[in-house]
Amino acid sequence: MNLVNRIERWGDTHHPKWIDGLRVLLGLVLIWKGVQFINNIDLLKAQIDEHPFLTVVSFGLAHIIVFAHLVGGLFITLGLLTRAGVIANLPILLGAVFFINSSTNLFAVYSEMALSLVVLFLLCFFLVEGSGPLSVDEYMRRHPEKVRGS
């Protein structure tokens, strides 16, 4: 049995139901931060105008952040492919934590260092823990006949 299967089996057997509420809250926070990033797009455009060499990178980075937060947050909230949603958001949160005080202010949306650290910790936690018993993944595991369309 490989390491991923052992981690998943441990997560399934040691998962209280209240942790699912925490997972849903984490997903909603990520969705909220994605919407907040969209609402503050003028700040990003101003930074791009100040640093022309960041134009291509910043434009792509903004779209990746918004997509990962919105789609990954939705997946985490629903418990659908939770680990994939976590993996999509981990690099963004690592960047937010390490570049939060950067001179370019590219991550100005992540002005709350404590929130970034808590979200990063929870992402690492749910990477190991998985989606839990109150999730779409668990429903699909328990009802494979409904998933196949039979």
Protein backbone atom coordinates (compact mmCIF):
# COMPACT_ATOMS: atom_id res chain seq x y z
CA MET A 1 0.00 0.00 0.00
CA ASN A 2 1.53 3.29 -1.01
CA LEU A 3 1.83 6.40 1.16
CA VAL A 4 -1.14 8.25 -0.37
CA ASN A 5 -3.49 5.30 0.28
CA ARG A 6 -2.28 5.02 3.87
CA ILE A 7 -2.80 8.75 4.45
CA GLU A 8 -6.28 8.55 2.93
CA ARG A 9 -7.21 5.51 5.03
CA TRP A 10 -5.99 7.25 8.20
CA GLY A 11 -7.92 10.41 7.30
CA ASP A 12 -11.11 8.42 6.71
CA THR A 13 -10.95 6.59 10.04
CA HIS A 14 -9.99 9.63 12.18
CA HIS A 15 -12.41 12.27 10.90
CA PRO A 16 -14.96 13.80 13.29
CA LYS A 17 -17.96 15.38 11.56
CA TRP A 18 -17.31 18.90 12.97
CA ILE A 19 -14.19 19.05 10.81
CA ASP A 20 -16.47 19.03 7.76
CA GLY A 21 -17.88 22.35 8.94
CA LEU A 22 -14.33 23.67 9.12
CA ARG A 23 -13.72 22.42 5.56
CA VAL A 24 -16.84 24.20 4.31
CA LEU A 25 -15.76 27.40 6.06
CA LEU A 26 -12.29 27.14 4.49
CA GLY A 27 -13.82 26.74 1.04
CA LEU A 28 -16.10 29.74 1.58
CA VAL A 29 -13.15 31.87 2.73
CA LEU A 30 -11.23 30.93 -0.42
CA ILE A 31 -14.23 31.82 -2.60
CA TRP A 32 -14.58 35.12 -0.74
CA LYS A 33 -10.88 35.90 -1.25
CA GLY A 34 -11.24 35.10 -4.96
CA VAL A 35 -14.15 37.52 -5.25
CA GLN A 36 -12.19 40.10 -3.24
CA PHE A 37 -9.28 39.69 -5.64
CA ILE A 38 -11.62 40.31 -8.59
CA ASN A 39 -13.02 43.41 -6.87
CA ASN A 40 -9.49 44.77 -6.33
CA ILE A 41 -8.35 44.21 -9.91
CA ASP A 42 -7.67 47.96 -10.24
CA LEU A 43 -4.87 47.60 -7.68
CA LEU A 44 -3.30 44.89 -9.80
CA LYS A 45 -3.65 46.98 -12.96
CA ALA A 46 -1.94 49.90 -11.21
CA GLN A 47 0.95 47.64 -10.25
CA ILE A 48 1.23 46.37 -13.80
CA ASP A 49 1.42 49.96 -15.06
CA GLU A 50 4.22 50.71 -12.60
CA HIS A 51 6.23 47.61 -13.53
CA PRO A 52 5.91 46.85 -17.26
CA PHE A 53 8.13 43.78 -16.96
CA LEU A 54 5.44 42.18 -14.77
CA THR A 55 2.69 42.62 -17.37
CA VAL A 56 2.56 39.05 -18.68
CA VAL A 57 3.32 37.40 -15.35
CA SER A 58 0.88 39.52 -13.33
CA PHE A 59 -1.97 39.14 -15.79
CA GLY A 60 -1.56 35.34 -15.84
CA LEU A 61 -1.01 35.19 -12.10
CA ALA A 62 -4.19 37.15 -11.41
CA HIS A 63 -6.24 34.73 -13.51
CA ILE A 64 -4.64 31.69 -11.89
CA ILE A 65 -5.29 33.04 -8.39
CA VAL A 66 -8.92 33.86 -9.12
CA PHE A 67 -9.54 30.51 -10.82
CA ALA A 68 -7.86 28.48 -8.07
CA HIS A 69 -9.67 30.36 -5.30
CA LEU A 70 -13.10 30.19 -6.90
CA VAL A 71 -13.02 26.67 -8.32
CA GLY A 72 -10.77 25.18 -5.64
CA GLY A 73 -12.83 26.86 -2.93
CA LEU A 74 -16.03 25.46 -4.43
CA PHE A 75 -14.51 21.96 -4.57
CA ILE A 76 -13.33 22.22 -0.96
CA THR A 77 -16.74 23.52 0.18
CA LEU A 78 -18.61 20.68 -1.50
CA GLY A 79 -16.06 18.02 -0.59
CA LEU A 80 -15.62 17.19 -4.25
CA LEU A 81 -12.01 16.44 -5.19
CA THR A 82 -10.99 18.20 -1.99
CA ARG A 83 -7.31 17.33 -2.26
CA ALA A 84 -7.18 18.68 -5.84
CA GLY A 85 -8.71 21.95 -4.65
CA VAL A 86 -6.19 22.11 -1.83
CA ILE A 87 -3.25 21.43 -4.16
CA ALA A 88 -4.44 24.19 -6.52
CA ASN A 89 -4.49 26.70 -3.65
CA LEU A 90 -1.31 25.70 -1.79
CA PRO A 91 1.17 27.51 -4.07
CA ILE A 92 -0.98 30.65 -3.97
CA LEU A 93 -1.10 30.70 -0.18
CA LEU A 94 2.62 29.97 0.06
CA GLY A 95 3.21 32.94 -2.23
CA ALA A 96 0.84 35.08 -0.18
CA VAL A 97 2.67 34.24 3.03
CA PHE A 98 6.17 34.77 1.63
CA PHE A 99 5.48 37.79 -0.61
CA ILE A 100 2.92 39.55 1.54
CA ASN A 101 5.33 42.38 2.34
CA SER A 102 7.01 42.47 -1.05
CA SER A 103 7.95 45.77 -2.63
CA THR A 104 5.58 45.26 -5.59
CA ASN A 105 2.46 44.83 -3.39
CA LEU A 106 1.31 42.24 -5.91
CA PHE A 107 -0.42 40.32 -3.12
CA ALA A 108 -2.05 43.39 -1.55
CA VAL A 109 -5.36 41.50 -1.45
CA TYR A 110 -3.72 39.24 1.13
CA SER A 111 -3.11 42.03 3.58
CA GLU A 112 -4.08 39.87 6.54
CA MET A 113 -1.02 37.78 7.36
CA ALA A 114 -2.79 35.88 10.15
CA LEU A 115 -5.64 34.86 7.84
CA SER A 116 -3.14 33.69 5.22
CA LEU A 117 -1.30 31.59 7.79
CA VAL A 118 -4.51 30.03 9.13
CA VAL A 119 -5.74 29.23 5.61
CA LEU A 120 -2.32 27.76 4.71
CA PHE A 121 -2.40 25.59 7.83
CA LEU A 122 -5.94 24.41 7.07
CA LEU A 123 -5.02 23.62 3.46
CA CYS A 124 -2.15 21.43 4.69
CA PHE A 125 -4.51 19.81 7.20
CA PHE A 126 -7.17 18.97 4.59
CA LEU A 127 -4.52 17.74 2.18
CA VAL A 128 -3.93 14.94 4.69
CA GLU A 129 -7.43 14.69 6.17
CA GLY A 130 -9.41 14.65 2.92
CA SER A 131 -13.04 15.50 2.39
CA GLY A 132 -14.69 13.59 5.24
CA PRO A 133 -18.03 11.86 5.73
CA LEU A 134 -20.22 14.87 4.83
CA SER A 135 -19.05 15.40 1.27
CA VAL A 136 -19.84 14.70 -2.36
CA ASP A 137 -16.83 12.36 -2.53
CA GLU A 138 -18.21 10.24 0.32
CA TYR A 139 -21.67 10.19 -1.25
CA MET A 140 -20.19 8.98 -4.54
CA ARG A 141 -18.18 6.29 -2.69
CA ARG A 142 -21.28 5.02 -0.87
CA HIS A 143 -23.64 5.18 -3.87
CA PRO A 144 -21.64 4.08 -6.91
CA GLU A 145 -24.78 2.87 -8.70
CA LYS A 146 -26.24 6.42 -8.72
CA VAL A 147 -22.98 7.90 -9.99
CA ARG A 148 -22.87 5.51 -12.99
CA GLY A 149 -26.40 6.46 -13.95
CA SER A 150 -27.90 3.01 -13.39
